[in-house]
Amino acid sequence: MEETGFIKALFEDYNSFKNHKISGRYIQQKDIQVLLDNLGEEFSLKEIGTSVLGKPIHSIQFGNGPIKILAWSQMHGNESTTTKAVFDLLNYISIHKQEPLVRSILNNCSLCIIPMLNPDGAEAYTRVNANRIDLNRDAQDLSQPESRILSQVFKNFNPDFCLNLHDQRTIFSAGNNPEPAVLSFLTPSMDKDRQIFPSRIKSMQLIAKIAQDLSELLPGRIGRYDDGFNINCTGDTFQSTKTPTILFEAGHFPGDYKREETRKYVFLALVSVLNSISENNFQQIDYQKYQEIPENEKLFNDIILRDANSENGVVDIAIQYKEIIKDRKLSFFPEIEKIAPKIKKFAHKEIFCENKKIEINDENTLTENVIVNKIVLNGVELPLKCE
């Protein structure tokens, strides 16, 4: 399908195929099992192994084309936004399988998606697996069953392209700009010299095409990760085999701590890359456009109070939410990260105190690394609830 504004059309029609049965940030294996059990006949579901604690790990295959694409999500258990977007994609394909865009993908591509590689980490809401190993640093040792499952699927499926689906923290800006990196991408290096071989050029072109397709919807809010080489990382390992590999990172959309807006843009990015691969229209893109995407920087805090009058003097106070599972639910607890005369960062929420008196947790003296239960500014309590 050629460029006809299809991304904008999908954006406007998104709610009609969004999978409303999965939402929020705390996504466990039991949450997706219901969806897996009800997949349409166009999808082939297979249990490909089990986690450290014996939870099932599945693959979903569909399409009958010659180009093979492997994708996996929730390699880090607390990174669930791309999992939601994957089920939006499956819903879209099921509903619109007769439309030209979907037919092109299904006729030209064969896809294998692992929707949740780390179900133990998903339940514990941790980056690591049950053995406290980061699966994305285990690509060489293959010490964990989940790592071995992905490695075996890679060998057996022998993909032409790989999509490595993750979440990133709220701290990232798209370059040195007051814009959050809602989506970020990386084509991992193939070696320590970061050489650019033809296979890596393909992933650069695909990322540049995604950025082009979404540029009007996310102006200035798409970032690029540093490509320092680490062969222990899965993407670097797969890229080193000359398989074009793309890292997706779902970031923070303003006010969207549940990442329901961000999932929409991840879905659009997935459709963009699948369309580009199926139509083979990405190779006309100048791969150097990839380098024009601003590199991510850690320039954001969730909240910054500016010019607050305290026992510490007039200071700025940076607050970052801690994500904690409490009573089987995900809660966001504000924690003081830094206190300084001037904090040279951007904030998703800025509060200008104008030298007025501030009290935190009913105390005049401020301390870093403390959970904030209450902030009172000039006698008025400030709302801190994370929406």
Protein backbone atom coordinates (compact mmCIF):
# COMPACT_ATOMS: atom_id res chain seq x y z
CA MET A 1 0.00 0.00 0.00
CA GLU A 2 1.43 3.33 -1.05
CA GLU A 3 1.42 6.44 1.10
CA THR A 4 -2.19 7.65 1.09
CA GLY A 5 -2.49 8.99 4.61
CA PHE A 6 -3.36 5.54 5.93
CA ILE A 7 -1.63 6.26 9.25
CA LYS A 8 -3.87 9.28 9.86
CA ALA A 9 -6.92 7.22 8.93
CA LEU A 10 -5.90 4.51 11.40
CA PHE A 11 -5.30 7.15 14.06
CA GLU A 12 -8.80 8.52 13.62
CA ASP A 13 -10.40 5.06 13.57
CA TYR A 14 -8.27 3.58 16.34
CA ASN A 15 -11.00 3.08 18.95
CA SER A 16 -12.94 0.83 16.59
CA PHE A 17 -10.25 -1.86 16.72
CA LYS A 18 -8.45 -1.09 19.98
CA ASN A 19 -8.59 -4.20 22.15
CA HIS A 20 -10.54 -2.82 25.10
CA LYS A 21 -10.16 -6.08 27.05
CA ILE A 22 -6.58 -5.19 28.01
CA SER A 23 -5.54 -1.90 29.59
CA GLY A 24 -3.37 -0.27 32.22
CA ARG A 25 0.27 -0.97 33.01
CA TYR A 26 0.09 -4.12 35.15
CA ILE A 27 -0.39 -6.80 32.48
CA GLN A 28 0.07 -10.41 33.58
CA GLN A 29 0.01 -13.72 31.74
CA LYS A 30 -3.51 -14.42 32.99
CA ASP A 31 -4.65 -11.15 31.39
CA ILE A 32 -3.44 -12.14 27.94
CA GLN A 33 -4.47 -15.80 28.24
CA VAL A 34 -8.12 -14.80 27.80
CA LEU A 35 -7.18 -12.98 24.59
CA LEU A 36 -5.04 -15.85 23.35
CA ASP A 37 -7.90 -18.30 23.91
CA ASN A 38 -10.14 -16.18 21.69
CA LEU A 39 -7.84 -15.49 18.74
CA GLY A 40 -9.40 -15.78 15.30
CA GLU A 41 -8.79 -18.66 12.92
CA GLU A 42 -6.28 -16.61 10.94
CA PHE A 43 -3.85 -16.90 13.89
CA SER A 44 -1.89 -19.99 14.90
CA LEU A 45 -1.24 -20.16 18.66
CA LYS A 46 1.53 -22.34 20.07
CA GLU A 47 2.98 -22.84 23.54
CA ILE A 48 6.72 -22.64 22.93
CA GLY A 49 7.93 -23.23 26.48
CA THR A 50 7.57 -22.23 30.10
CA SER A 51 9.15 -19.66 32.39
CA VAL A 52 11.28 -20.30 35.48
CA LEU A 53 8.08 -20.58 37.55
CA GLY A 54 6.32 -22.72 34.96
CA LYS A 55 4.12 -20.10 33.32
CA PRO A 56 3.35 -20.71 29.62
CA ILE A 57 5.07 -18.68 26.91
CA HIS A 58 3.28 -18.53 23.58
CA SER A 59 3.93 -17.56 20.00
CA ILE A 60 1.31 -16.31 17.55
CA GLN A 61 1.90 -16.89 13.85
CA PHE A 62 -0.04 -15.45 10.93
CA GLY A 63 0.44 -14.50 7.30
CA ASN A 64 1.64 -16.72 4.47
CA GLY A 65 4.18 -14.54 2.69
CA PRO A 66 7.89 -15.15 2.05
CA ILE A 67 9.20 -12.32 4.28
CA LYS A 68 9.53 -13.55 7.87
CA ILE A 69 9.20 -11.11 10.78
CA LEU A 70 9.84 -12.05 14.42
CA ALA A 71 8.64 -9.78 17.24
CA TRP A 72 8.62 -10.20 21.01
CA SER A 73 7.20 -8.10 23.84
CA GLN A 74 7.50 -7.92 27.63
CA MET A 75 11.03 -9.30 27.70
CA HIS A 76 11.09 -6.98 30.71
CA GLY A 77 8.08 -7.85 32.82
CA ASN A 78 7.18 -4.28 33.78
CA GLU A 79 7.18 -3.04 30.17
CA SER A 80 3.68 -3.80 28.94
CA THR A 81 2.67 -1.00 26.56
CA THR A 82 3.88 -2.82 23.47
CA THR A 83 1.99 -5.93 24.56
CA LYS A 84 -1.23 -3.92 24.50
CA ALA A 85 -0.31 -2.57 21.06
CA VAL A 86 0.35 -6.11 19.80
CA PHE A 87 -3.20 -7.13 20.73
CA ASP A 88 -4.51 -3.97 19.06
CA LEU A 89 -2.62 -5.06 15.94
CA LEU A 90 -4.11 -8.57 16.08
CA ASN A 91 -7.58 -7.11 16.56
CA TYR A 92 -7.08 -4.77 13.61
CA ILE A 93 -5.89 -7.58 11.35
CA SER A 94 -8.80 -9.80 12.37
CA ILE A 95 -11.40 -7.09 11.74
CA HIS A 96 -9.89 -5.68 8.55
CA LYS A 97 -8.31 -8.74 6.94
CA GLN A 98 -10.01 -8.01 3.61
CA GLU A 99 -8.64 -4.47 3.34
CA PRO A 100 -5.74 -3.90 0.91
CA LEU A 101 -3.24 -2.87 3.60
CA VAL A 102 -3.85 -5.98 5.69
CA ARG A 103 -4.01 -8.28 2.67
CA SER A 104 -0.64 -6.96 1.53
CA ILE A 105 0.90 -7.71 4.94
CA LEU A 106 -0.62 -11.21 5.12
CA ASN A 107 0.25 -12.09 1.51
CA ASN A 108 3.82 -10.80 1.64
CA CYS A 109 4.83 -11.55 5.22
CA SER A 110 4.79 -14.38 7.74
CA LEU A 111 4.85 -13.12 11.30
CA CYS A 112 5.77 -14.78 14.57
CA ILE A 113 5.00 -12.74 17.70
CA ILE A 114 5.81 -13.67 21.28
CA PRO A 115 3.44 -11.39 23.22
CA MET A 116 4.96 -12.00 26.68
CA LEU A 117 8.44 -13.47 26.97
CA ASN A 118 8.82 -12.86 30.72
CA PRO A 119 5.54 -13.84 32.44
CA ASP A 120 7.20 -14.21 35.86
CA GLY A 121 8.55 -10.67 35.67
CA ALA A 122 5.15 -9.50 34.45
CA GLU A 123 3.44 -10.86 37.56
CA ALA A 124 6.11 -9.47 39.91
CA TYR A 125 6.20 -6.22 37.88
CA THR A 126 9.98 -6.38 37.55
CA ARG A 127 12.41 -5.86 34.72
CA VAL A 128 14.14 -9.15 35.53
CA ASN A 129 12.84 -12.72 35.51
CA ALA A 130 12.20 -14.94 38.56
CA ASN A 131 15.95 -15.62 38.87
CA ARG A 132 16.59 -11.86 38.87
CA ILE A 133 18.30 -12.02 35.49
CA ASP A 134 17.81 -9.33 32.85
CA LEU A 135 16.85 -11.36 29.79
CA ASN A 136 18.09 -8.55 27.56
CA ARG A 137 21.62 -9.14 28.88
CA ASP A 138 21.45 -12.93 28.54
CA ALA A 139 21.65 -13.32 24.76
CA GLN A 140 25.10 -14.93 24.87
CA ASP A 141 24.99 -16.91 28.12
CA LEU A 142 21.43 -18.14 27.52
CA SER A 143 21.34 -19.01 31.21
CA GLN A 144 17.57 -18.60 31.50
CA PRO A 145 14.75 -20.70 30.00
CA GLU A 146 13.07 -17.60 28.57
CA SER A 147 16.29 -16.59 26.78
CA ARG A 148 16.71 -20.08 25.38
CA ILE A 149 13.11 -20.08 24.13
CA LEU A 150 13.63 -16.84 22.20
CA SER A 151 16.97 -18.02 20.83
CA GLN A 152 15.42 -21.29 19.62
CA VAL A 153 12.51 -19.48 17.96
CA PHE A 154 15.01 -17.19 16.22
CA LYS A 155 16.95 -20.20 14.90
CA ASN A 156 13.89 -22.17 13.85
CA PHE A 157 11.91 -19.30 12.35
CA ASN A 158 14.99 -17.74 10.70
CA PRO A 159 13.48 -14.25 10.39
CA ASP A 160 14.30 -11.64 7.79
CA PHE A 161 13.48 -8.86 10.29
CA CYS A 162 13.25 -8.63 14.09
CA LEU A 163 11.21 -6.23 16.25
CA ASN A 164 12.28 -5.96 19.90
CA LEU A 165 9.42 -4.31 21.83
CA HIS A 166 10.03 -2.42 25.09
CA ASP A 167 8.97 0.49 27.34
CA GLN A 168 11.15 3.36 28.48
CA ARG A 169 10.96 5.57 31.56
CA THR A 170 9.34 9.01 31.76
CA ILE A 171 12.77 10.67 32.10
CA PHE A 172 13.59 10.72 28.38
CA SER A 173 13.34 13.74 26.10
CA ALA A 174 13.59 13.64 22.33
CA GLY A 175 16.89 15.47 22.11
CA ASN A 176 17.68 18.61 24.07
CA ASN A 177 14.10 19.79 23.82
CA PRO A 178 11.14 20.14 26.22
CA GLU A 179 9.34 17.31 24.43
CA PRO A 180 9.00 13.80 25.85
CA ALA A 181 10.19 10.88 23.76
CA VAL A 182 6.79 9.26 23.24
CA LEU A 183 8.39 6.72 20.93
CA SER A 184 12.05 5.87 20.57
CA PHE A 185 13.86 3.54 18.22
CA LEU A 186 17.26 1.99 17.72
CA THR A 187 18.95 -0.12 15.12
CA PRO A 188 21.50 -1.91 17.32
CA SER A 189 25.14 -2.03 16.34
CA MET A 190 26.53 -5.17 14.74
CA ASP A 191 29.99 -4.84 16.28
CA LYS A 192 32.02 -2.64 18.61
CA ASP A 193 32.98 -0.39 15.68
CA ARG A 194 29.29 0.32 14.97
CA GLN A 195 29.79 -0.48 11.31
CA ILE A 196 26.92 0.07 8.90
CA PHE A 197 26.39 -3.00 6.74
CA PRO A 198 23.54 -3.40 4.20
CA SER A 199 21.42 -5.33 6.70
CA ARG A 200 21.72 -2.54 9.26
CA ILE A 201 20.92 0.03 6.60
CA LYS A 202 17.56 -1.69 6.13
CA SER A 203 16.62 -1.21 9.77
CA MET A 204 17.78 2.42 9.61
CA GLN A 205 15.57 2.99 6.59
CA LEU A 206 12.60 1.35 8.29
CA ILE A 207 12.97 3.51 11.40
CA ALA A 208 13.31 6.63 9.25
CA LYS A 209 10.11 5.58 7.45
CA ILE A 210 8.25 5.11 10.76
CA ALA A 211 9.40 8.57 11.87
CA GLN A 212 8.24 10.01 8.56
CA ASP A 213 4.84 8.31 8.78
CA LEU A 214 4.22 9.52 12.34
CA SER A 215 5.88 12.93 12.09
CA GLU A 216 2.63 14.92 11.91
CA LEU A 217 1.04 13.00 14.78
CA LEU A 218 4.11 13.15 17.05
CA PRO A 219 6.03 16.26 15.98
CA GLY A 220 9.32 16.46 17.89
CA ARG A 221 8.38 13.51 20.10
CA ILE A 222 10.25 10.65 18.44
CA GLY A 223 13.72 9.83 19.73
CA ARG A 224 16.68 7.60 18.94
CA TYR A 225 18.80 5.56 21.34
CA ASP A 226 22.58 5.50 21.47
CA ASP A 227 23.97 2.55 19.52
CA GLY A 228 26.80 1.50 21.82
CA PHE A 229 27.50 -2.18 21.19
CA ASN A 230 26.78 -4.88 23.77
CA ILE A 231 26.77 -8.41 22.37
CA ASN A 232 24.95 -9.61 25.51
CA CYS A 233 21.87 -7.65 24.41
CA THR A 234 19.38 -9.57 22.30
CA GLY A 235 19.07 -6.93 19.60
CA ASP A 236 22.83 -6.66 19.18
CA THR A 237 23.16 -10.44 19.01
CA PHE A 238 20.46 -10.80 16.35
CA GLN A 239 21.77 -7.80 14.41
CA SER A 240 25.26 -9.34 14.43
CA THR A 241 23.83 -12.26 12.41
CA LYS A 242 22.94 -9.67 9.71
CA THR A 243 19.24 -9.83 10.56
CA PRO A 244 17.85 -6.27 10.45
CA THR A 245 16.63 -5.59 13.98
CA ILE A 246 14.63 -2.67 15.37
CA LEU A 247 14.24 -1.75 19.03
CA PHE A 248 10.87 -0.11 19.82
CA GLU A 249 10.60 1.88 23.06
CA ALA A 250 7.19 3.08 24.25
CA GLY A 251 7.58 6.29 26.23
CA HIS A 252 5.53 8.91 28.04
CA PHE A 253 2.74 10.89 26.41
CA PRO A 254 1.80 13.94 28.53
CA GLY A 255 -0.64 12.98 31.27
CA ASP A 256 -0.71 9.35 30.17
CA TYR A 257 0.85 7.35 32.99
CA LYS A 258 -1.32 4.35 32.12
CA ARG A 259 0.15 4.51 28.59
CA GLU A 260 -3.18 4.21 26.83
CA GLU A 261 -2.26 7.04 24.44
CA THR A 262 1.25 5.72 23.88
CA ARG A 263 -0.09 2.27 22.92
CA LYS A 264 -1.93 3.93 20.05
CA TYR A 265 1.31 5.31 18.63
CA VAL A 266 3.09 1.98 19.11
CA PHE A 267 0.28 0.33 17.15
CA LEU A 268 0.66 2.89 14.37
CA ALA A 269 4.43 2.34 14.31
CA LEU A 270 3.88 -1.42 14.02
CA VAL A 271 1.50 -0.97 11.10
CA SER A 272 3.94 1.47 9.50
CA VAL A 273 6.87 -0.95 9.66
CA LEU A 274 4.79 -3.94 8.50
CA ASN A 275 3.42 -1.94 5.59
CA SER A 276 6.92 -0.75 4.62
CA ILE A 277 8.29 -4.29 4.71
CA SER A 278 5.36 -5.82 2.84
CA GLU A 279 5.43 -3.16 0.12
CA ASN A 280 9.24 -2.93 0.09
CA ASN A 281 8.95 0.84 -0.14
CA PHE A 282 11.43 1.64 2.63
CA GLN A 283 14.55 1.12 0.51
CA GLN A 284 13.91 4.39 -1.29
CA ILE A 285 14.44 6.22 2.03
CA ASP A 286 17.84 7.81 2.64
CA TYR A 287 19.16 5.79 5.58
CA GLN A 288 20.99 8.86 6.90
CA LYS A 289 17.56 10.28 7.80
CA TYR A 290 17.78 7.88 10.73
CA GLN A 291 20.66 9.92 12.17
CA GLU A 292 18.49 13.05 11.98
CA ILE A 293 16.13 11.66 14.61
CA PRO A 294 17.16 13.39 17.87
CA GLU A 295 19.03 11.21 20.33
CA ASN A 296 17.29 10.55 23.63
CA GLU A 297 18.46 12.51 26.65
CA LYS A 298 17.54 12.10 30.33
CA LEU A 299 16.13 15.59 30.77
CA PHE A 300 12.69 15.06 32.34
CA ASN A 301 11.27 14.66 35.81
CA ASP A 302 7.66 13.86 36.50
CA ILE A 303 7.19 16.96 38.69
CA ILE A 304 9.40 19.95 39.44
CA LEU A 305 8.47 22.56 42.02
CA ARG A 306 10.21 25.81 41.13
CA ASP A 307 11.39 28.41 43.66
CA ALA A 308 9.93 26.82 46.78
CA ASN A 309 10.66 28.56 50.10
CA SER A 310 11.76 26.02 52.69
CA GLU A 311 14.14 25.58 55.62
CA ASN A 312 16.68 24.66 52.93
CA GLY A 313 16.26 28.10 51.37
CA VAL A 314 14.61 28.85 48.03
CA VAL A 315 15.02 25.69 46.00
CA ASP A 316 13.72 23.61 43.14
CA ILE A 317 12.39 20.17 44.03
CA ALA A 318 12.37 17.32 41.51
CA ILE A 319 9.89 14.50 42.10
CA GLN A 320 9.80 11.16 40.33
CA TYR A 321 7.05 8.57 40.61
CA LYS A 322 8.02 5.12 41.89
CA GLU A 323 5.96 2.29 40.45
CA ILE A 324 5.04 -0.18 43.20
CA ILE A 325 2.67 -3.14 43.27
CA LYS A 326 0.40 -2.78 46.30
CA ASP A 327 -2.63 -4.98 46.99
CA ARG A 328 -2.18 -6.59 43.55
CA LYS A 329 -2.50 -3.18 41.88
CA LEU A 330 0.07 -0.81 40.42
CA SER A 331 0.42 2.43 42.36
CA PHE A 332 2.55 5.49 41.68
CA PHE A 333 4.32 6.97 44.71
CA PRO A 334 5.96 10.41 44.33
CA GLU A 335 9.52 10.49 45.66
CA ILE A 336 11.85 13.46 46.04
CA GLU A 337 14.74 12.83 43.66
CA LYS A 338 16.69 16.06 43.97
CA ILE A 339 16.71 19.35 45.85
CA ALA A 340 18.85 22.16 44.42
CA PRO A 341 18.82 25.94 43.97
CA LYS A 342 18.11 25.41 40.26
CA ILE A 343 17.27 22.16 38.52
CA LYS A 344 18.03 22.39 34.82
CA LYS A 345 15.55 19.81 33.63
CA PHE A 346 12.14 19.77 32.04
CA ALA A 347 9.08 18.44 33.85
CA HIS A 348 5.87 16.74 32.82
CA LYS A 349 4.26 18.94 35.46
CA GLU A 350 5.76 22.19 36.73
CA ILE A 351 4.55 23.99 39.84
CA PHE A 352 5.75 27.58 40.20
CA CYS A 353 5.92 28.28 43.93
CA GLU A 354 6.98 31.94 43.60
CA ASN A 355 9.04 31.85 46.83
CA LYS A 356 6.01 30.78 48.88
CA LYS A 357 6.46 28.58 51.91
CA ILE A 358 6.38 24.84 51.29
CA GLU A 359 5.96 21.90 53.64
CA ILE A 360 6.34 18.27 52.63
CA ASN A 361 4.95 15.52 54.87
CA ASP A 362 4.25 18.26 57.48
CA GLU A 363 7.95 19.05 57.73
CA ASN A 364 9.84 22.21 56.87
CA THR A 365 13.15 20.44 56.25
CA LEU A 366 13.30 18.69 52.88
CA THR A 367 15.14 15.43 52.28
CA GLU A 368 15.93 13.57 49.08
CA ASN A 369 14.81 9.97 48.47
CA VAL A 370 11.69 10.40 50.60
CA ILE A 371 8.20 9.35 49.53
CA VAL A 372 5.89 12.37 49.44
CA ASN A 373 2.53 11.92 51.13
CA LYS A 374 1.52 15.55 51.18
CA ILE A 375 2.78 18.90 49.88
CA VAL A 376 1.40 22.13 51.32
CA LEU A 377 2.22 25.35 49.48
CA ASN A 378 1.36 28.54 51.34
CA GLY A 379 -1.26 26.68 53.35
CA VAL A 380 -2.87 24.93 50.36
CA GLU A 381 -2.38 21.20 49.76
CA LEU A 382 -1.24 20.36 46.23
CA PRO A 383 -2.64 17.39 44.29
CA LEU A 384 -0.05 14.70 43.63
CA LYS A 385 -2.19 11.86 42.34
CA CYS A 386 -0.79 10.30 39.20
CA GLU A 387 -3.49 9.95 36.55
